N, C-alpha and C. Protein backbone atom coordinates (compact mmCIF):
# COMPACT_ATOMS: atom_id res chain seq x y z
N MET A 1 -39.48 -6.20 8.88
CA MET A 1 -39.79 -6.81 7.82
C MET A 1 -39.75 -8.30 8.00
N ASN A 2 -41.10 -8.97 6.82
CA ASN A 2 -41.05 -10.40 6.33
C ASN A 2 -39.41 -10.64 5.59
N SER A 3 -39.31 -12.41 5.54
CA SER A 3 -38.59 -12.41 4.28
C SER A 3 -38.82 -13.64 3.95
N LEU A 4 -38.83 -13.91 2.33
CA LEU A 4 -38.74 -14.95 1.58
C LEU A 4 -37.77 -15.12 0.97
N GLY A 5 -37.38 -16.50 1.24
CA GLY A 5 -35.79 -16.71 0.74
C GLY A 5 -34.96 -15.36 1.22
N ASP A 6 -33.87 -14.72 -0.10
CA ASP A 6 -33.45 -13.92 0.18
C ASP A 6 -34.06 -12.51 0.23
N ASN A 7 -35.25 -12.45 -0.50
CA ASN A 7 -35.94 -11.23 -0.66
C ASN A 7 -36.42 -10.92 0.17
N THR A 8 -36.27 -9.60 0.70
CA THR A 8 -36.81 -8.63 1.43
C THR A 8 -37.96 -8.41 1.30
N LEU A 9 -39.12 -8.68 2.12
CA LEU A 9 -40.50 -7.86 1.37
C LEU A 9 -40.95 -7.10 2.32
N ILE A 10 -42.48 -6.91 1.80
CA ILE A 10 -43.06 -5.41 2.81
C ILE A 10 -43.20 -5.67 4.00
N GLU A 11 -43.34 -4.66 5.02
CA GLU A 11 -43.65 -4.57 6.38
C GLU A 11 -45.03 -4.95 6.90
N THR A 12 -44.67 -5.84 7.46
CA THR A 12 -45.96 -6.28 7.92
C THR A 12 -46.95 -5.47 8.54
N SER A 13 -46.56 -4.33 8.95
CA SER A 13 -47.75 -3.61 9.32
C SER A 13 -48.56 -3.01 8.01
N VAL A 14 -47.71 -3.00 6.85
CA VAL A 14 -48.60 -2.00 5.48
C VAL A 14 -49.51 -3.25 5.46
N VAL A 15 -49.22 -4.38 5.45
CA VAL A 15 -50.11 -5.57 4.50
C VAL A 15 -51.44 -5.25 5.40
N GLU A 16 -50.86 -5.58 6.91
CA GLU A 16 -52.00 -5.37 7.73
C GLU A 16 -53.10 -4.31 7.66
N SER A 17 -52.92 -3.17 7.54
CA SER A 17 -53.37 -2.21 7.06
C SER A 17 -54.04 -2.29 6.49
N LEU A 18 -53.60 -2.60 4.99
CA LEU A 18 -54.43 -2.85 3.95
C LEU A 18 -55.57 -4.03 3.84
N ALA A 19 -55.11 -5.44 4.80
CA ALA A 19 -56.10 -6.33 4.89
C ALA A 19 -57.02 -5.95 5.36
N ALA A 20 -57.19 -4.65 6.69
CA ALA A 20 -58.23 -4.40 7.48
C ALA A 20 -58.97 -3.37 6.29
N ILE A 21 -58.61 -2.76 5.65
CA ILE A 21 -59.50 -1.77 5.03
C ILE A 21 -60.17 -2.86 4.00
N LEU A 22 -59.70 -3.75 3.14
CA LEU A 22 -60.18 -4.48 2.18
C LEU A 22 -61.60 -5.80 3.02
N LEU A 23 -60.94 -5.65 4.17
CA LEU A 23 -61.88 -6.75 4.72
C LEU A 23 -63.32 -5.76 5.17
N LYS A 24 -63.23 -5.00 5.57
CA LYS A 24 -64.39 -4.02 6.27
C LYS A 24 -65.18 -3.13 5.03
N ASN A 25 -64.49 -3.40 3.75
CA ASN A 25 -65.21 -3.01 3.08
C ASN A 25 -65.57 -4.09 1.64
N HIS A 26 -65.39 -5.59 2.39
CA HIS A 26 -65.63 -6.62 1.21
C HIS A 26 -64.95 -6.58 0.18
N TRP A 27 -63.77 -6.14 -0.12
CA TRP A 27 -63.46 -6.02 -1.65
C TRP A 27 -62.21 -7.11 -1.67
N ARG A 28 -61.91 -7.18 -2.68
CA ARG A 28 -61.13 -8.28 -3.15
C ARG A 28 -59.78 -7.72 -4.36
N LEU A 29 -58.80 -7.72 -3.93
CA LEU A 29 -57.69 -6.90 -4.43
C LEU A 29 -57.08 -8.13 -5.19
N THR A 30 -56.39 -7.36 -6.85
CA THR A 30 -55.89 -8.32 -7.40
C THR A 30 -54.64 -7.59 -8.01
N THR A 31 -53.45 -8.15 -8.27
CA THR A 31 -52.10 -7.61 -8.35
C THR A 31 -51.87 -7.83 -10.28
N ALA A 32 -51.02 -6.86 -10.47
CA ALA A 32 -50.74 -7.09 -11.95
C ALA A 32 -49.15 -6.42 -12.08
N GLU A 33 -48.15 -7.60 -12.03
CA GLU A 33 -46.39 -7.08 -11.76
C GLU A 33 -45.69 -7.64 -12.66
N SER A 34 -44.87 -6.09 -13.24
CA SER A 34 -43.85 -6.87 -14.51
C SER A 34 -42.46 -6.78 -13.22
N CYS A 35 -41.79 -5.69 -13.14
CA CYS A 35 -40.61 -5.61 -12.46
C CYS A 35 -40.43 -6.12 -10.96
N THR A 36 -41.52 -6.27 -10.55
CA THR A 36 -41.58 -6.30 -9.39
C THR A 36 -41.63 -7.77 -9.16
N GLY A 37 -42.12 -8.79 -10.18
CA GLY A 37 -41.89 -9.87 -10.46
C GLY A 37 -42.86 -10.72 -9.54
N GLY A 38 -43.76 -10.47 -8.89
CA GLY A 38 -44.69 -11.06 -7.45
C GLY A 38 -44.07 -10.98 -6.21
N LEU A 39 -43.46 -9.56 -6.31
CA LEU A 39 -43.09 -9.47 -4.75
C LEU A 39 -44.59 -8.78 -3.93
N VAL A 40 -45.18 -7.97 -4.82
CA VAL A 40 -46.33 -7.69 -4.35
C VAL A 40 -47.16 -8.91 -3.70
N ALA A 41 -47.89 -9.94 -4.60
CA ALA A 41 -48.33 -10.88 -4.25
C ALA A 41 -47.72 -12.06 -3.64
N ALA A 42 -46.38 -11.89 -3.28
CA ALA A 42 -45.76 -12.60 -1.93
C ALA A 42 -45.90 -12.16 -1.04
N SER A 43 -45.82 -10.86 -0.61
CA SER A 43 -46.22 -9.95 0.50
C SER A 43 -47.38 -10.24 0.92
N LEU A 44 -48.50 -10.23 0.01
CA LEU A 44 -50.00 -10.37 0.50
C LEU A 44 -50.19 -11.83 1.18
N THR A 45 -49.96 -12.82 0.31
CA THR A 45 -50.11 -13.93 0.63
C THR A 45 -49.06 -14.66 1.90
N ASN A 46 -48.20 -13.87 2.04
CA ASN A 46 -47.71 -14.19 3.18
C ASN A 46 -48.03 -13.88 4.95
N LEU A 47 -49.11 -13.15 4.82
CA LEU A 47 -50.31 -12.85 5.88
C LEU A 47 -51.26 -13.90 5.84
N ALA A 48 -51.36 -14.71 7.11
CA ALA A 48 -52.40 -16.01 7.05
C ALA A 48 -54.05 -15.13 6.91
N GLY A 49 -54.58 -15.70 6.40
CA GLY A 49 -55.77 -15.07 6.19
C GLY A 49 -56.08 -14.40 4.67
N SER A 50 -55.30 -14.13 4.20
CA SER A 50 -55.22 -13.05 2.55
C SER A 50 -55.81 -13.98 1.76
N SER A 51 -56.62 -15.24 1.47
CA SER A 51 -57.56 -15.37 0.60
C SER A 51 -58.89 -15.15 0.70
N GLU A 52 -58.96 -14.44 1.93
CA GLU A 52 -60.03 -13.56 2.20
C GLU A 52 -60.43 -12.22 1.72
N TRP A 53 -59.14 -11.95 1.22
CA TRP A 53 -59.27 -10.65 0.39
C TRP A 53 -58.25 -10.22 -0.87
N PHE A 54 -57.43 -11.34 -0.69
CA PHE A 54 -56.61 -11.24 -2.05
C PHE A 54 -56.74 -12.61 -3.00
N GLU A 55 -57.70 -11.74 -4.72
CA GLU A 55 -58.08 -12.51 -5.33
C GLU A 55 -57.09 -13.37 -6.35
N ARG A 56 -55.94 -12.72 -6.48
CA ARG A 56 -55.06 -13.23 -7.65
C ARG A 56 -53.88 -12.34 -8.07
N GLY A 57 -52.76 -12.71 -8.30
CA GLY A 57 -51.65 -11.95 -9.14
C GLY A 57 -51.53 -12.55 -10.20
N TYR A 58 -51.10 -11.48 -10.81
CA TYR A 58 -50.55 -11.61 -12.57
C TYR A 58 -48.95 -10.92 -12.44
N VAL A 59 -48.04 -11.86 -13.14
CA VAL A 59 -46.74 -11.91 -13.06
C VAL A 59 -46.68 -11.50 -14.66
N THR A 60 -46.61 -10.41 -15.09
CA THR A 60 -46.90 -10.07 -16.53
C THR A 60 -44.95 -9.67 -17.08
N TYR A 61 -44.66 -10.32 -17.01
CA TYR A 61 -43.07 -9.73 -17.01
C TYR A 61 -42.54 -9.43 -18.68
N SER A 62 -42.97 -10.05 -19.86
CA SER A 62 -43.02 -9.97 -21.12
C SER A 62 -44.17 -8.52 -21.33
N ASN A 63 -44.10 -8.45 -22.73
CA ASN A 63 -45.09 -7.59 -23.51
C ASN A 63 -46.22 -8.90 -24.09
N ASP A 64 -45.85 -9.69 -24.70
CA ASP A 64 -46.79 -10.76 -24.44
C ASP A 64 -47.69 -11.11 -23.59
N ALA A 65 -47.24 -11.44 -22.44
CA ALA A 65 -48.15 -11.44 -20.81
C ALA A 65 -48.62 -10.43 -21.08
N LYS A 66 -48.60 -9.51 -21.11
CA LYS A 66 -49.62 -8.23 -20.77
C LYS A 66 -50.40 -8.41 -21.64
N SER A 67 -50.13 -8.31 -22.66
CA SER A 67 -51.51 -8.54 -23.83
C SER A 67 -52.24 -9.65 -23.77
N GLU A 68 -51.62 -10.36 -23.61
CA GLU A 68 -52.69 -12.21 -23.32
C GLU A 68 -53.01 -12.40 -22.07
N ASP A 69 -52.23 -12.35 -20.69
CA ASP A 69 -53.23 -12.29 -19.75
C ASP A 69 -54.10 -11.43 -19.37
N ILE A 70 -53.61 -9.85 -19.68
CA ILE A 70 -54.73 -9.03 -19.01
C ILE A 70 -55.18 -7.76 -20.04
N GLY A 71 -55.08 -8.24 -21.45
CA GLY A 71 -55.79 -7.56 -21.99
C GLY A 71 -55.09 -6.27 -22.82
N VAL A 72 -53.50 -5.79 -22.39
CA VAL A 72 -52.88 -4.74 -22.74
C VAL A 72 -53.06 -4.71 -23.98
N ASP A 73 -53.22 -3.49 -25.03
CA ASP A 73 -53.25 -3.09 -26.19
C ASP A 73 -51.67 -2.92 -26.47
N ALA A 74 -51.24 -4.11 -28.03
CA ALA A 74 -50.24 -4.47 -27.91
C ALA A 74 -49.61 -3.19 -28.33
N HIS A 75 -50.59 -2.01 -29.15
CA HIS A 75 -50.25 -0.69 -29.97
C HIS A 75 -50.13 0.11 -28.94
N LEU A 76 -50.27 0.06 -27.55
CA LEU A 76 -50.52 1.11 -26.51
C LEU A 76 -48.88 0.55 -25.80
N ILE A 77 -48.45 -0.77 -25.91
CA ILE A 77 -47.16 -0.85 -25.40
C ILE A 77 -46.44 -0.54 -26.33
N GLN A 78 -46.48 -0.14 -27.75
CA GLN A 78 -45.90 0.19 -28.96
C GLN A 78 -45.52 1.62 -28.83
N ASP A 79 -46.39 2.12 -28.52
CA ASP A 79 -46.70 3.50 -28.80
C ASP A 79 -45.78 4.51 -27.59
N HIS A 80 -46.00 4.08 -26.26
CA HIS A 80 -45.79 4.78 -24.78
C HIS A 80 -44.57 3.46 -24.15
N GLY A 81 -44.65 2.80 -24.90
CA GLY A 81 -43.24 1.88 -23.71
C GLY A 81 -44.08 0.79 -22.64
N ALA A 82 -43.28 -0.09 -22.24
CA ALA A 82 -44.42 -0.86 -21.44
C ALA A 82 -43.97 -0.07 -20.02
N VAL A 83 -42.92 0.17 -20.20
CA VAL A 83 -43.26 1.43 -18.86
C VAL A 83 -43.15 2.70 -18.87
N SER A 84 -44.34 2.65 -19.05
CA SER A 84 -45.74 3.77 -18.92
C SER A 84 -46.38 4.31 -18.27
N GLU A 85 -47.34 5.26 -17.38
CA GLU A 85 -48.16 5.13 -17.10
C GLU A 85 -49.64 4.84 -17.94
N GLN A 86 -49.73 5.03 -19.22
CA GLN A 86 -50.45 4.46 -19.87
C GLN A 86 -50.67 3.09 -20.02
N VAL A 87 -49.38 2.34 -20.04
CA VAL A 87 -49.99 0.75 -20.30
C VAL A 87 -49.74 0.54 -18.22
N ALA A 88 -49.24 1.49 -17.76
CA ALA A 88 -49.72 0.58 -15.90
C ALA A 88 -51.21 0.89 -15.78
N LYS A 89 -51.71 1.77 -16.17
CA LYS A 89 -53.20 2.00 -16.27
C LYS A 89 -53.91 0.78 -17.06
N ALA A 90 -53.55 0.44 -18.10
CA ALA A 90 -54.27 -0.93 -18.67
C ALA A 90 -54.19 -2.11 -18.03
N MET A 91 -52.97 -1.87 -17.67
CA MET A 91 -52.32 -3.29 -16.79
C MET A 91 -53.71 -3.34 -15.31
N ALA A 92 -54.14 -2.30 -14.69
CA ALA A 92 -54.34 -2.57 -13.72
C ALA A 92 -56.10 -2.64 -13.96
N ILE A 93 -56.60 -1.92 -15.26
CA ILE A 93 -57.96 -2.04 -15.43
C ILE A 93 -58.02 -3.54 -15.88
N GLY A 94 -56.98 -3.79 -16.69
CA GLY A 94 -57.35 -5.62 -17.26
C GLY A 94 -56.90 -6.58 -16.05
N ALA A 95 -56.28 -6.27 -15.12
CA ALA A 95 -56.22 -6.99 -14.18
C ALA A 95 -57.67 -7.11 -13.18
N LYS A 96 -58.27 -6.01 -13.32
CA LYS A 96 -59.61 -5.77 -12.04
C LYS A 96 -60.52 -6.30 -13.16
N GLN A 97 -60.38 -6.14 -14.43
CA GLN A 97 -61.60 -6.86 -15.38
C GLN A 97 -61.55 -8.55 -15.37
N SER A 98 -60.26 -9.13 -15.44
CA SER A 98 -60.67 -10.33 -15.95
C SER A 98 -60.01 -11.02 -14.83
N SER A 99 -60.54 -10.49 -13.59
CA SER A 99 -60.69 -11.15 -11.79
C SER A 99 -61.79 -10.93 -11.27
N ASN A 100 -62.69 -10.05 -11.83
CA ASN A 100 -64.06 -9.64 -11.09
C ASN A 100 -63.72 -9.00 -9.36
N SER A 101 -62.43 -8.52 -9.64
CA SER A 101 -61.83 -8.08 -8.06
C SER A 101 -62.51 -6.73 -8.33
N ASN A 102 -62.42 -6.24 -6.68
CA ASN A 102 -63.11 -4.53 -7.02
C ASN A 102 -62.02 -3.73 -6.73
N ILE A 103 -60.74 -4.21 -6.64
CA ILE A 103 -59.61 -3.20 -6.70
C ILE A 103 -58.45 -4.11 -7.54
N ALA A 104 -57.44 -3.32 -8.08
CA ALA A 104 -56.32 -3.72 -8.53
C ALA A 104 -55.12 -2.66 -8.61
N LEU A 105 -54.24 -3.28 -8.64
CA LEU A 105 -52.42 -2.59 -8.72
C LEU A 105 -51.99 -2.97 -9.77
N SER A 106 -51.01 -1.63 -10.42
CA SER A 106 -50.52 -2.93 -11.39
C SER A 106 -48.75 -1.80 -11.03
N ILE A 107 -47.58 -2.41 -11.60
CA ILE A 107 -46.88 -2.18 -11.14
C ILE A 107 -45.85 -2.55 -12.96
N THR A 108 -44.93 -1.79 -13.51
CA THR A 108 -43.98 -1.56 -14.35
C THR A 108 -43.09 -0.74 -14.40
N GLY A 109 -42.14 -1.37 -14.46
CA GLY A 109 -40.63 -0.48 -14.46
C GLY A 109 -39.86 -0.75 -14.74
N ILE A 110 -38.19 -0.50 -14.44
CA ILE A 110 -36.61 -0.84 -15.20
C ILE A 110 -36.19 -1.17 -13.87
N ALA A 111 -36.02 -2.32 -12.99
CA ALA A 111 -35.09 -2.73 -12.12
C ALA A 111 -33.70 -2.92 -12.13
N GLY A 112 -33.36 -2.62 -13.58
CA GLY A 112 -32.11 -2.64 -13.31
C GLY A 112 -31.27 -3.85 -13.48
N PRO A 113 -30.12 -3.99 -13.46
CA PRO A 113 -29.16 -3.12 -13.52
C PRO A 113 -28.86 -2.25 -15.00
N THR A 114 -29.28 -3.21 -15.93
CA THR A 114 -29.49 -2.83 -17.54
C THR A 114 -31.26 -2.40 -17.54
N GLY A 115 -31.01 -1.92 -18.92
CA GLY A 115 -32.46 -1.76 -19.82
C GLY A 115 -33.04 -0.28 -19.16
N GLY A 116 -32.02 0.46 -18.69
CA GLY A 116 -32.69 2.49 -18.54
C GLY A 116 -32.04 3.06 -19.90
N SER A 117 -33.08 4.06 -19.85
CA SER A 117 -32.67 4.88 -21.20
C SER A 117 -32.47 6.25 -20.33
N LYS A 118 -32.02 7.74 -21.33
CA LYS A 118 -31.82 9.05 -20.85
C LYS A 118 -32.99 9.34 -20.57
N GLU A 119 -34.27 9.17 -21.43
CA GLU A 119 -35.75 9.27 -20.91
C GLU A 119 -36.24 8.28 -19.49
N LYS A 120 -35.75 6.94 -19.62
CA LYS A 120 -36.54 6.15 -18.60
C LYS A 120 -35.08 5.62 -17.88
N PRO A 121 -34.79 6.31 -17.15
CA PRO A 121 -33.61 5.37 -16.37
C PRO A 121 -34.08 4.27 -15.50
N VAL A 122 -32.80 3.62 -15.01
CA VAL A 122 -32.95 2.65 -13.99
C VAL A 122 -33.95 3.24 -12.94
N GLY A 123 -34.31 2.32 -12.39
CA GLY A 123 -35.25 2.84 -11.46
C GLY A 123 -36.80 3.70 -11.16
N THR A 124 -36.89 4.00 -12.99
CA THR A 124 -37.73 4.44 -13.44
C THR A 124 -39.20 3.33 -13.11
N VAL A 125 -40.21 3.43 -12.42
CA VAL A 125 -41.17 2.49 -12.30
C VAL A 125 -43.13 3.28 -12.61
N CYS A 126 -43.41 2.93 -13.04
CA CYS A 126 -45.27 3.54 -13.36
C CYS A 126 -45.98 2.39 -12.79
N PHE A 127 -47.10 3.24 -11.85
CA PHE A 127 -47.94 2.45 -10.97
C PHE A 127 -49.37 2.99 -11.66
N ALA A 128 -50.16 2.07 -11.31
CA ALA A 128 -51.45 2.30 -11.33
C ALA A 128 -52.44 1.72 -10.59
N TRP A 129 -53.42 2.16 -10.15
CA TRP A 129 -54.64 1.83 -9.30
C TRP A 129 -56.02 1.96 -10.19
N ALA A 130 -56.79 0.98 -10.36
CA ALA A 130 -58.26 0.86 -10.71
C ALA A 130 -58.85 0.69 -9.26
N LEU A 131 -60.11 1.37 -9.26
CA LEU A 131 -60.56 1.01 -7.57
C LEU A 131 -62.39 0.70 -7.81
N ASP A 132 -62.76 0.73 -7.24
CA ASP A 132 -64.14 0.30 -7.11
C ASP A 132 -65.24 0.82 -8.05
N ASN A 133 -64.68 2.05 -7.67
CA ASN A 133 -65.57 3.19 -8.02
C ASN A 133 -65.30 3.22 -9.59
N ASP A 134 -64.51 2.91 -10.06
CA ASP A 134 -64.14 2.85 -11.49
C ASP A 134 -62.99 4.06 -11.89
N GLN A 135 -62.50 4.69 -10.60
CA GLN A 135 -61.60 5.49 -10.98
C GLN A 135 -60.17 4.41 -10.97
N VAL A 136 -58.90 5.17 -11.72
CA VAL A 136 -57.55 4.83 -12.03
C VAL A 136 -56.63 5.70 -11.69
N PHE A 137 -56.47 5.65 -10.98
CA PHE A 137 -54.86 6.55 -10.63
C PHE A 137 -53.69 6.01 -11.12
N SER A 138 -52.50 7.07 -11.60
CA SER A 138 -51.50 6.54 -11.97
C SER A 138 -50.08 7.49 -11.72
N GLU A 139 -49.25 7.00 -11.17
CA GLU A 139 -47.94 7.91 -10.77
C GLU A 139 -46.80 7.34 -11.26
N THR A 140 -45.94 8.05 -11.64
CA THR A 140 -44.43 6.98 -11.90
C THR A 140 -43.15 7.75 -11.23
N LYS A 141 -42.56 6.95 -10.42
CA LYS A 141 -41.69 7.08 -9.07
C LYS A 141 -39.97 6.83 -10.00
N LEU A 142 -39.16 7.38 -9.46
CA LEU A 142 -37.82 7.03 -9.58
C LEU A 142 -36.92 6.85 -8.63
N PHE A 143 -36.67 5.00 -8.22
CA PHE A 143 -36.15 4.79 -7.25
C PHE A 143 -34.87 4.52 -6.96
N SER A 144 -33.83 4.46 -5.91
CA SER A 144 -32.15 4.07 -6.63
C SER A 144 -31.94 3.12 -6.19
N GLY A 145 -30.97 2.54 -6.12
CA GLY A 145 -30.70 1.00 -5.50
C GLY A 145 -29.93 0.18 -6.59
N GLU A 146 -29.93 -1.09 -5.71
CA GLU A 146 -30.00 -2.13 -6.65
C GLU A 146 -31.25 -2.72 -7.11
N ARG A 147 -31.19 -4.01 -8.04
CA ARG A 147 -32.28 -4.18 -8.13
C ARG A 147 -33.29 -5.08 -7.14
N LEU A 148 -32.81 -5.49 -6.11
CA LEU A 148 -33.65 -5.92 -5.11
C LEU A 148 -34.12 -4.57 -4.16
N ASP A 149 -33.36 -3.41 -4.40
CA ASP A 149 -34.01 -2.63 -3.77
C ASP A 149 -35.03 -1.53 -4.69
N ILE A 150 -35.00 -1.73 -5.35
CA ILE A 150 -35.61 -0.75 -6.59
C ILE A 150 -37.50 -1.87 -6.66
N ARG A 151 -36.96 -3.12 -6.64
CA ARG A 151 -38.15 -3.84 -6.66
C ARG A 151 -39.28 -3.43 -5.21
N THR A 152 -38.19 -3.82 -4.38
CA THR A 152 -38.70 -3.82 -2.47
C THR A 152 -39.37 -1.90 -2.64
N GLN A 153 -38.81 -0.94 -2.82
CA GLN A 153 -39.35 0.18 -2.56
C GLN A 153 -40.39 0.32 -3.64
N ALA A 154 -40.57 -0.24 -4.75
CA ALA A 154 -41.71 0.05 -5.92
C ALA A 154 -43.03 -0.77 -5.44
N SER A 155 -42.96 -2.31 -4.49
CA SER A 155 -43.44 -2.47 -4.09
C SER A 155 -44.60 -1.83 -2.63
N THR A 156 -43.49 -1.61 -1.83
CA THR A 156 -44.18 -0.82 -0.60
C THR A 156 -44.70 0.35 -1.40
N PHE A 157 -44.31 0.97 -1.91
CA PHE A 157 -44.85 2.49 -2.55
C PHE A 157 -46.19 1.96 -3.35
N ALA A 158 -46.50 0.94 -3.96
CA ALA A 158 -47.30 0.49 -4.54
C ALA A 158 -48.80 0.58 -3.76
N LEU A 159 -48.54 -0.44 -2.12
CA LEU A 159 -49.37 -0.64 -1.45
C LEU A 159 -49.43 0.38 -0.33
N ASN A 160 -48.80 1.05 0.11
CA ASN A 160 -48.64 2.05 0.77
C ASN A 160 -49.95 3.77 -0.01
N GLN A 161 -49.75 3.57 -1.36
CA GLN A 161 -50.57 4.57 -2.15
C GLN A 161 -51.78 3.95 -2.45
N LEU A 162 -52.17 2.68 -2.63
CA LEU A 162 -53.03 2.28 -2.50
C LEU A 162 -53.91 2.40 -0.97
N ILE A 163 -53.38 2.33 0.08
CA ILE A 163 -53.58 2.33 1.51
C ILE A 163 -54.35 4.06 1.53
N ALA A 164 -53.79 4.59 0.91
CA ALA A 164 -53.89 6.17 0.99
C ALA A 164 -55.27 6.39 -0.12
N LEU A 165 -55.26 5.96 -1.09
CA LEU A 165 -56.90 6.11 -2.12
C LEU A 165 -57.62 5.27 -1.43
N VAL A 166 -57.62 4.36 -0.45
CA VAL A 166 -59.12 3.71 -0.28
C VAL A 166 -59.65 4.21 1.36
N GLN A 167 -58.48 4.64 2.16
CA GLN A 167 -59.02 4.45 3.16
C GLN A 167 -59.82 5.48 3.49
């Protein structure tokens, strides 16, 4: 694994696999991260040459940032909560549109140790992927462990799922 300070990052092989797919298709990727706080973007840019396929990363941690930076409707957040597949989809679509990227992924969740509820416990993370063909996929997962464990698992899952969707 790679490391950046005390944060364990995604396996280099995962990032290299994604990079090869993006380069082969001449695609550029944008990320919109909330609970992972830029961990995906940091992992991507840890690979030399990532500027050829990584467009930009948004860290939209607050609800206001989700609305202001990538156009997530505030009513959507109010109606479904920031941690929802509806908001994850809006984040991915907004990130893709605002960056003119071919592909975008988004992550929003509860990394803990506080902030969870009975309906959405700590470790609940929602993902979305907006692809070049305008298809949008979403999924919710429940991860366990400490805050960094959840953030790392979510980051790795997001990239592995993106690879599965585009290869």
